[in-house]
Protein backbone atom coordinates (compact mmCIF):
# COMPACT_ATOMS: atom_id res chain seq x y z
CA MET A 1 -3.85 -19.20 -9.32
CA LYS A 2 -2.13 -18.36 -6.04
CA LYS A 3 1.54 -17.48 -6.42
CA LYS A 4 4.14 -19.45 -4.51
CA ALA A 5 5.81 -17.60 -1.65
CA VAL A 6 9.39 -16.49 -2.29
CA GLN A 7 11.85 -18.57 -0.25
CA LEU A 8 14.53 -16.47 1.41
CA ILE A 9 17.75 -17.16 3.32
CA ILE A 10 19.18 -14.54 5.69
CA ILE A 11 22.97 -14.18 5.63
CA GLY A 12 23.85 -12.16 8.72
CA ALA A 13 21.27 -12.35 11.52
CA GLY A 14 22.13 -9.06 13.19
CA SER A 15 19.88 -6.02 13.50
CA ARG A 16 19.46 -5.42 9.77
CA GLY A 17 19.06 -9.08 8.84
CA MET A 18 16.36 -9.48 11.47
CA ALA A 19 14.63 -6.31 10.26
CA TYR A 20 14.33 -7.50 6.66
CA ALA A 21 13.29 -10.99 7.72
CA ALA A 22 10.39 -9.43 9.64
CA TYR A 23 8.55 -8.83 6.36
CA ALA A 24 7.71 -12.54 6.43
CA THR A 25 5.79 -12.16 9.69
CA GLN A 26 3.51 -9.63 7.99
CA HIS A 27 3.24 -11.38 4.64
CA PRO A 28 3.82 -15.14 5.02
CA ASP A 29 1.89 -15.66 1.79
CA GLU A 30 4.54 -13.63 -0.08
CA VAL A 31 7.82 -14.72 1.53
CA GLN A 32 9.12 -17.50 3.78
CA ILE A 33 12.39 -17.44 5.72
CA ILE A 34 13.73 -20.94 5.16
CA GLY A 35 17.41 -20.63 6.16
CA VAL A 36 20.02 -18.61 8.04
CA ALA A 37 23.81 -18.25 7.95
CA GLU A 38 25.35 -16.45 10.94
CA PRO A 39 28.61 -17.07 12.86
CA ARG A 40 27.27 -15.85 16.23
CA LYS A 41 25.30 -18.70 17.74
CA PRO A 42 22.88 -16.65 19.91
CA TYR A 43 21.82 -14.50 16.95
CA ARG A 44 21.69 -17.49 14.63
CA ASP A 45 19.53 -19.43 17.08
CA LYS A 46 17.23 -16.46 17.69
CA LEU A 47 16.36 -16.08 14.01
CA ALA A 48 16.15 -19.84 13.46
CA GLN A 49 13.71 -20.24 16.35
CA LYS A 50 11.57 -17.31 15.27
CA TYR A 51 11.05 -18.73 11.79
CA ALA A 52 11.13 -22.44 12.70
CA ILE A 53 14.12 -23.10 10.45
CA PRO A 54 15.13 -26.79 10.35
CA ASN A 55 18.64 -27.76 11.46
CA ASN A 56 19.81 -28.68 7.96
CA LEU A 57 19.19 -25.08 6.82
CA ILE A 58 21.08 -23.41 9.69
CA PHE A 59 24.68 -22.56 8.77
CA PRO A 60 27.57 -21.16 10.86
CA ASP A 61 28.68 -18.87 8.02
CA TRP A 62 27.94 -18.02 4.40
CA GLN A 63 30.77 -20.21 3.13
CA GLU A 64 29.01 -23.33 4.43
CA LEU A 65 25.80 -22.23 2.75
CA ALA A 66 27.68 -21.64 -0.50
CA LYS A 67 28.84 -25.29 -0.53
CA GLN A 68 25.23 -26.40 -0.93
CA PRO A 69 23.23 -26.44 -4.15
CA ARG A 70 20.84 -23.54 -4.58
CA LEU A 71 18.38 -23.91 -1.70
CA ALA A 72 16.11 -20.86 -2.03
CA ASP A 73 14.96 -18.17 -4.43
CA ALA A 74 16.92 -15.35 -2.81
CA VAL A 75 19.33 -14.30 -0.09
CA VAL A 76 19.56 -11.20 2.06
CA ILE A 77 23.23 -10.33 2.59
CA ALA A 78 23.49 -8.34 5.83
CA THR A 79 27.06 -9.15 6.80
CA PRO A 80 29.53 -6.44 7.97
CA ASP A 81 30.48 -3.87 5.32
CA LYS A 82 33.88 -5.42 4.66
CA GLU A 83 32.25 -8.80 4.09
CA HIS A 84 29.86 -7.94 1.28
CA THR A 85 31.91 -8.60 -1.84
CA GLN A 86 32.69 -12.30 -1.68
CA PRO A 87 29.24 -13.49 -0.61
CA ALA A 88 27.61 -11.19 -3.17
CA LEU A 89 29.77 -12.49 -6.03
CA THR A 90 29.38 -16.10 -4.86
CA PHE A 91 25.59 -16.05 -4.63
CA ILE A 92 25.21 -14.10 -7.87
CA LYS A 93 27.13 -16.93 -9.55
CA LYS A 94 24.90 -19.52 -7.92
CA GLY A 95 21.81 -17.85 -9.37
CA TYR A 96 20.22 -16.42 -6.24
CA HIS A 97 18.26 -13.18 -6.33
CA ILE A 98 20.04 -10.82 -3.94
CA LEU A 99 19.14 -8.08 -1.49
CA LEU A 100 22.45 -6.53 -0.41
CA GLU A 101 22.74 -4.24 2.61
CA LYS A 102 24.30 -0.88 1.90
CA PRO A 103 27.01 0.04 1.24
CA MET A 104 27.47 -2.29 -1.69
CA ALA A 105 31.16 -2.64 -0.81
CA PRO A 106 33.86 -0.48 0.84
CA THR A 107 35.99 0.19 -2.27
CA PRO A 108 35.26 1.39 -5.83
CA SER A 109 36.86 -1.69 -7.40
CA GLU A 110 34.73 -4.08 -5.35
CA CYS A 111 31.58 -2.11 -6.16
CA LYS A 112 32.42 -2.34 -9.87
CA GLN A 113 32.94 -6.11 -9.57
CA ILE A 114 29.54 -6.57 -7.96
CA THR A 115 27.82 -4.20 -10.40
CA GLN A 116 29.23 -6.00 -13.42
CA ALA A 117 28.37 -9.45 -12.07
CA ALA A 118 24.84 -8.47 -11.03
CA THR A 119 24.15 -6.69 -14.33
CA GLN A 120 25.28 -9.68 -16.38
CA ALA A 121 23.38 -12.23 -14.31
CA LYS A 122 19.68 -12.76 -14.94
CA ILE A 123 18.69 -12.12 -11.33
CA GLN A 124 16.85 -9.50 -9.31
CA PHE A 125 19.41 -7.46 -7.39
CA ALA A 126 18.71 -4.60 -4.99
CA VAL A 127 20.86 -2.58 -2.62
CA CYS A 128 19.25 -1.40 0.63
CA HIS A 129 18.98 2.31 -0.14
CA VAL A 130 15.73 2.32 1.79
CA LEU A 131 15.16 6.09 1.63
CA ARG A 132 14.14 5.78 -2.02
CA TYR A 133 11.22 3.55 -1.03
CA THR A 134 9.45 5.73 1.53
CA LEU A 135 6.04 7.17 0.70
CA PHE A 136 7.52 10.56 1.58
CA THR A 137 10.25 10.26 -1.08
CA GLN A 138 7.84 9.06 -3.74
CA LYS A 139 5.44 11.94 -3.03
CA LEU A 140 8.27 14.49 -3.00
CA LYS A 141 9.78 13.24 -6.24
CA LYS A 142 6.37 13.46 -7.91
CA LEU A 143 6.01 17.08 -6.76
CA ILE A 144 9.48 17.96 -8.09
CA ASP A 145 8.83 16.22 -11.43
CA GLU A 146 5.48 18.05 -11.71
CA LYS A 147 7.32 21.40 -11.22
CA LEU A 148 5.38 22.40 -8.09
CA ILE A 149 8.28 24.73 -7.19
CA GLY A 150 9.30 25.37 -10.79
CA ASP A 151 12.80 24.29 -11.74
CA LEU A 152 14.70 22.77 -8.83
CA VAL A 153 17.75 24.92 -8.07
CA ASN A 154 19.18 23.74 -4.75
CA ILE A 155 18.80 21.08 -2.04
CA GLN A 156 19.99 21.48 1.56
CA ALA A 157 19.99 18.17 3.45
CA LEU A 158 20.81 17.64 7.13
CA GLU A 159 21.61 14.19 8.51
CA PRO A 160 21.27 14.68 12.30
CA VAL A 161 22.92 11.43 13.37
CA GLY A 162 22.35 12.15 17.05
CA TYR A 163 24.81 12.32 19.93
CA TRP A 164 23.98 8.88 21.34
CA HIS A 165 23.66 7.18 17.94
CA GLN A 166 27.11 8.47 17.01
CA ALA A 167 28.48 7.12 20.30
CA HIS A 168 26.76 3.77 19.79
CA SER A 169 27.52 3.01 16.15
CA PHE A 170 30.44 5.23 15.15
CA VAL A 171 32.53 5.55 18.32
CA ARG A 172 31.97 2.34 20.26
CA GLY A 173 30.34 0.23 17.56
CA ASN A 174 30.91 -1.64 14.33
CA TRP A 175 31.37 1.43 12.11
CA ARG A 176 33.83 3.34 14.32
CA ASN A 177 37.01 2.53 12.39
CA GLU A 178 37.47 3.14 8.68
CA LYS A 179 39.85 0.22 8.12
CA GLU A 180 37.52 -2.21 9.88
CA SER A 181 34.36 -1.02 8.11
CA SER A 182 34.28 2.05 5.87
CA SER A 183 34.21 5.83 5.98
CA MET A 184 31.43 7.56 7.89
CA LEU A 185 30.08 8.97 4.64
CA LEU A 186 29.83 5.50 3.09
CA ALA A 187 28.55 3.72 6.20
CA LYS A 188 25.93 6.27 7.20
CA CYS A 189 25.42 8.89 4.53
CA CYS A 190 25.50 6.88 1.31
CA HIS A 191 21.73 6.84 2.04
CA ASP A 192 21.64 10.62 1.79
CA ILE A 193 23.91 10.98 -1.22
CA ASP A 194 21.87 8.31 -3.00
CA TRP A 195 18.62 10.11 -2.10
CA ILE A 196 19.87 13.43 -3.49
CA ASN A 197 21.05 11.67 -6.64
CA TYR A 198 17.58 10.13 -7.00
CA ILE A 199 15.70 13.41 -6.57
CA ILE A 200 17.82 15.53 -8.92
CA PRO A 201 17.18 14.47 -12.53
CA ALA A 202 20.73 15.12 -13.80
CA PRO A 203 24.11 13.46 -13.21
CA CYS A 204 26.48 14.90 -10.62
CA SER A 205 29.34 16.76 -12.32
CA ALA A 206 31.52 17.88 -9.37
CA ILE A 207 31.83 17.22 -5.65
CA GLN A 208 33.72 18.65 -2.67
CA SER A 209 33.78 17.70 1.01
CA PHE A 210 35.14 18.83 4.37
CA GLY A 211 35.02 17.03 7.72
CA ASN A 212 37.02 15.64 10.61
CA LEU A 213 36.92 13.92 13.99
CA ARG A 214 36.42 16.91 16.27
CA HIS A 215 35.27 15.60 19.63
CA PHE A 216 35.44 11.83 20.21
CA ARG A 217 39.18 11.56 20.77
CA ALA A 218 41.61 11.17 23.68
CA SER A 219 42.47 14.88 23.86
CA GLU A 220 38.85 15.64 24.80
CA LYS A 221 38.69 13.15 27.66
CA PRO A 222 37.55 14.89 30.89
CA VAL A 223 39.84 14.86 33.94
CA GLY A 224 38.94 11.91 36.15
CA ALA A 225 37.24 9.87 33.44
CA ALA A 226 37.88 6.12 33.38
CA ASP A 227 38.26 3.97 30.28
CA ARG A 228 34.94 2.23 30.97
CA CYS A 229 31.65 3.84 32.04
CA THR A 230 30.95 1.22 34.70
CA ASP A 231 34.20 2.21 36.48
CA CYS A 232 33.92 5.99 36.00
CA SER A 233 33.50 8.43 38.89
CA ILE A 234 32.17 11.19 36.62
CA GLU A 235 29.90 8.96 34.50
CA SER A 236 26.70 10.60 35.79
CA SER A 237 27.76 13.97 34.38
CA CYS A 238 28.62 12.68 30.90
CA PRO A 239 26.00 12.91 28.13
CA TYR A 240 27.66 9.97 26.38
CA SER A 241 27.50 7.64 29.39
CA ALA A 242 26.78 4.10 28.23
CA LEU A 243 24.72 3.50 31.37
CA LYS A 244 22.61 6.58 30.63
CA ILE A 245 22.11 5.66 26.97
CA TYR A 246 21.37 1.94 27.21
CA PHE A 247 19.48 1.74 30.49
CA GLY A 248 17.57 4.81 29.35
CA VAL A 249 16.32 2.82 26.35
CA PHE A 250 15.63 -0.27 28.47
CA ASP A 251 13.71 1.69 31.08
CA LYS A 252 11.37 2.94 28.36
CA GLY A 253 10.35 -0.67 27.73
CA SER A 254 12.34 -1.39 24.55
CA THR A 255 14.59 -4.41 24.03
CA ASP A 256 15.11 -3.91 20.30
CA TRP A 257 17.85 -1.87 18.61
CA PRO A 258 20.26 -0.67 19.93
CA LEU A 259 20.06 -3.05 22.90
CA ASP A 260 19.92 -6.19 20.77
CA VAL A 261 23.33 -5.20 19.40
CA LEU A 262 24.83 -5.42 22.90
CA THR A 263 23.23 -8.75 23.76
CA PRO A 264 20.75 -11.04 21.97
CA ASN A 265 18.50 -11.17 25.06
CA PRO A 266 18.50 -7.75 26.76
CA THR A 267 17.78 -7.68 30.49
CA ARG A 268 19.21 -5.36 33.15
CA LYS A 269 21.70 -8.10 34.01
CA THR A 270 22.84 -8.91 30.45
CA ILE A 271 23.09 -5.22 29.53
CA LEU A 272 25.26 -4.50 32.58
CA GLU A 273 27.48 -7.50 31.77
CA ALA A 274 27.88 -6.26 28.19
CA LEU A 275 28.87 -2.79 29.41
CA GLN A 276 31.37 -4.22 31.91
CA THR A 277 33.13 -6.45 29.38
CA GLY A 278 32.18 -5.47 25.83
CA PRO A 279 32.94 -2.60 23.45
CA TYR A 280 29.74 -0.68 24.17
CA GLY A 281 30.79 0.11 27.73
CA ARG A 282 33.96 1.93 26.71
CA CYS A 283 34.52 5.62 27.31
CA VAL A 284 33.86 7.53 24.08
CA TYR A 285 37.22 9.24 24.57
CA ALA A 286 39.11 5.94 24.88
CA CYS A 287 38.05 3.98 21.79
CA ASP A 288 39.85 3.08 18.56
CA ASN A 289 37.48 5.18 16.44
CA ASP A 290 38.72 7.36 13.60
CA VAL A 291 35.64 8.16 11.47
CA VAL A 292 34.51 11.78 11.32
CA ASP A 293 31.88 13.19 13.66
CA HIS A 294 30.86 16.01 11.31
CA GLN A 295 31.10 16.46 7.55
CA THR A 296 29.72 18.56 4.72
CA VAL A 297 29.45 17.62 1.05
CA ASN A 298 28.89 20.14 -1.75
CA MET A 299 27.56 18.86 -5.08
CA GLU A 300 27.00 20.37 -8.53
CA PHE A 301 24.90 18.66 -11.19
CA GLU A 302 25.04 18.89 -14.97
CA ASP A 303 21.79 20.89 -15.17
CA GLY A 304 23.21 23.55 -12.83
CA THR A 305 21.41 22.31 -9.72
CA THR A 306 23.47 22.32 -6.52
CA ALA A 307 23.10 20.42 -3.25
CA THR A 308 24.67 20.40 0.19
CA LEU A 309 24.65 17.57 2.70
CA THR A 310 25.60 18.18 6.33
CA MET A 311 26.19 15.23 8.64
CA THR A 312 26.69 15.92 12.33
CA ALA A 313 26.76 13.86 15.50
CA PHE A 314 25.91 16.82 17.68
CA THR A 315 22.12 16.78 17.57
CA GLN A 316 19.31 14.80 19.07
CA ALA A 317 18.76 11.59 17.07
CA ALA A 318 16.10 13.06 14.79
CA ALA A 319 14.61 12.69 11.35
CA ARG A 320 16.53 14.04 8.40
CA LYS A 321 15.78 17.68 7.56
CA ILE A 322 15.55 18.68 3.90
CA ARG A 323 14.88 21.99 2.14
CA LEU A 324 14.40 22.26 -1.60
CA PHE A 325 14.48 25.57 -3.43
CA GLY A 326 12.96 26.17 -6.85
CA THR A 327 12.19 29.05 -9.19
CA LYS A 328 8.53 29.19 -8.07
CA GLY A 329 8.67 28.11 -4.42
CA GLU A 330 10.38 26.10 -1.72
CA LEU A 331 9.73 22.91 0.27
CA ASP A 332 10.61 22.27 3.92
CA CYS A 333 10.54 18.58 4.87
CA ASP A 334 11.34 16.22 7.73
CA GLY A 335 10.47 12.86 6.19
CA LYS A 336 6.93 12.96 7.58
CA THR A 337 5.62 16.33 6.44
CA ILE A 338 6.13 18.55 3.40
CA ARG A 339 5.56 22.30 3.79
CA HIS A 340 5.26 24.30 0.57
CA PHE A 341 5.87 28.03 0.20
CA ASP A 342 4.37 29.41 -3.00
CA PHE A 343 5.97 32.55 -4.46
CA MET A 344 2.67 33.54 -6.13
CA THR A 345 0.60 33.55 -2.93
CA ASP A 346 3.39 34.27 -0.41
CA GLN A 347 1.90 31.57 1.79
CA TRP A 348 2.90 28.26 3.34
CA ASN A 349 0.71 25.16 3.11
CA THR A 350 1.18 21.58 4.27
CA ILE A 351 1.03 18.74 1.76
CA LYS A 352 -0.36 15.44 3.01
CA ILE A 353 1.70 12.28 2.66
CA PRO A 354 -0.04 8.90 2.56
CA SER A 355 0.22 7.04 5.87
CA SER A 356 3.12 4.60 6.12
CA ASP A 357 2.36 0.92 6.40
CA PRO A 358 1.94 0.16 10.13
CA SER A 359 3.97 -3.01 9.83
CA ILE A 360 6.87 -4.16 11.94
CA LEU A 361 9.19 -2.81 9.24
CA GLY A 362 8.53 0.81 10.09
CA GLY A 363 12.24 1.61 10.12
CA HIS A 364 13.59 4.49 8.03
CA GLY A 365 10.13 6.03 7.70
CA GLY A 366 8.67 2.88 6.19
CA GLY A 367 11.57 2.49 3.76
CA ASP A 368 12.54 -0.95 5.10
CA TYR A 369 9.04 -2.18 4.36
CA GLY A 370 8.91 -0.52 0.94
CA LEU A 371 12.24 -2.01 -0.06
CA MET A 372 11.23 -5.54 0.94
CA LYS A 373 7.90 -5.23 -0.84
CA ALA A 374 9.63 -4.05 -4.01
CA PHE A 375 12.26 -6.82 -3.88
CA ILE A 376 9.75 -9.62 -3.29
CA THR A 377 7.43 -8.23 -5.97
CA ALA A 378 10.30 -8.09 -8.48
CA ILE A 379 11.09 -11.75 -7.83
CA SER A 380 7.45 -12.85 -7.97
CA GLN A 381 6.79 -11.00 -11.22
CA ASN A 382 10.26 -11.60 -12.71
CA ASN A 383 10.38 -7.87 -13.39
CA SER A 384 12.99 -5.48 -11.98
CA THR A 385 10.78 -2.37 -12.36
CA PRO A 386 9.81 -2.18 -8.63
CA ILE A 387 13.51 -2.07 -7.66
CA LEU A 388 14.62 1.56 -7.40
CA SER A 389 18.13 0.83 -6.12
CA GLY A 390 19.66 -1.62 -8.57
CA PRO A 391 23.40 -2.14 -9.07
CA GLU A 392 23.99 0.58 -11.67
CA ALA A 393 22.07 3.29 -9.78
CA THR A 394 23.95 2.33 -6.62
CA MET A 395 27.29 2.45 -8.42
CA LEU A 396 26.60 6.05 -9.46
CA SER A 397 25.80 7.28 -5.95
CA HIS A 398 28.63 5.23 -4.39
CA GLN A 399 31.06 6.85 -6.82
CA MET A 400 29.89 10.23 -5.52
CA VAL A 401 30.69 9.07 -1.97
CA PHE A 402 34.15 7.80 -2.91
CA SER A 403 34.88 11.05 -4.74
CA ALA A 404 33.70 13.10 -1.77
CA GLU A 405 36.11 11.21 0.47
CA GLU A 406 38.91 11.79 -2.03
CA SER A 407 38.08 15.49 -1.89
CA ARG A 408 38.04 15.55 1.92
CA HIS A 409 41.42 13.87 2.22
CA ASN A 410 43.09 15.90 -0.55
CA GLN A 411 41.29 19.24 -0.05
CA CYS A 412 40.21 19.57 -3.66
CA VAL A 413 37.18 19.58 -5.95
CA ILE A 414 36.61 16.30 -7.82
CA SER A 415 35.18 16.37 -11.34
CA LEU A 416 32.84 13.47 -12.13
CA LYS A 417 32.20 14.30 -15.77
CA ASN A 418 34.58 11.64 -17.07
CA ASN A 419 33.90 8.96 -14.42
C-alpha cells in the first residue's frame, strides 16, 4: 500500500525555508508543501507560486497560521533566530511535527523550554544540525567507532567562514548584531560544536574560548571610504566591496543565495537598487555589527579526548577542514575526502566516500538533503530513529556554545560536569 505524502507548511520563506521546501520537488511522493507563513510578501508569493499553494493556506505570519486548526502533518520553522521560541512552543502544543532551524533558540532558558516541550510531546522534532546527516560524517563516524586510528585523542576543526561570507551575513546581514540575532558562535558555529560533540563518544567536561571583533569596525575604515559602496571612490580597491561580491556572483550566472537575500528576483537592476538603499550596500566599516570575526574554542571530554575549533572570517569561503588524531593514525578531511595516515605502514591513503545525492538540496555537503530525508522518514514511519539531531542532543551541544561564550566574556574555563 502506497504511503500518503507528508503535508508540510513552511514558516519563514527565506533562503533556508526555500532550501528545505525544495525536497518536495525531488520527492513529491514523500512530501507536499501545502502552506506558507511569511511576513515579506515577495518571498511569500514566490514560495506560494512555486508550490501552487491555495490562497487560504497563505499566511502573513505564523500567528495567523496558529489561529487555525491543525492543517498539516508538520511545519518547518525557519524564522529569524530570535523568533524561534514562540512558534516552536505554539506548534508543539498544536501537535505538529517540527523541523526547527538552528540555533534552537538564542538563550539557554528558551532552549530548555523547547527541549522540555518537544520531549514531552508525542511528535517528531529535529533541529537543523545538517552536518550530522552528510555521507561524509556518517562514514567518518563509522571509521572512528571501528578504531581505524585507534583511540581518538584530539580533533582540530577549522571553520573558514570566508571573507565575503562574513561581510554578507555577519557584518551587513541578519546575524551581524548579537542583540538582534545571537552570538557568532551560536549563529554559525553551533554546527561545528554539535558535529564535534557527535563524533566524540563522551560528554564534554570543560570548555574555554577566546575571540573578538578585530577588523570590521570603524577604526579600520580606510581614508576616503564612504558609508555605502555605491558612493565610494575607493570601492574598486576594497576586497569587501558589495559591488565586487554581489555582481561577481551574478556575473557567474547564479541568482540563488546570497543574491536572493538582497532581492527576491535578482537582476542587475534590482541588485543595484538593493545596494543603493538596503543594508547589503553598506561599507563593512560603517555597520552596526558587533559579533566576532575570529574565535577559538578549546574543549575537553570526560574520556580525556580534546578538541579545538577555530572560526575565522579571513579565508576564502571554503569547506571545513578537520584533522583527527588517534593512537594508531590520523585523518585529514575536508568534507569531501578522507585521507588516512597509518602508523604501521607510514603511508597515506585516501578513503572513498559515497557520492552525495545530486538533488537540489546539495547544500552543506548534502546535509540539507539528508536532514529532510531523515525528518520525513521519521514522520512516515512514526519512528524517531532517523533523526540524529533531536531536542536533547541539541540541548547538549547548545549548552557547550553558551558556556564557550561565557568563557570568552569572562576569560575563564567553564566546567560542564554538573550542567
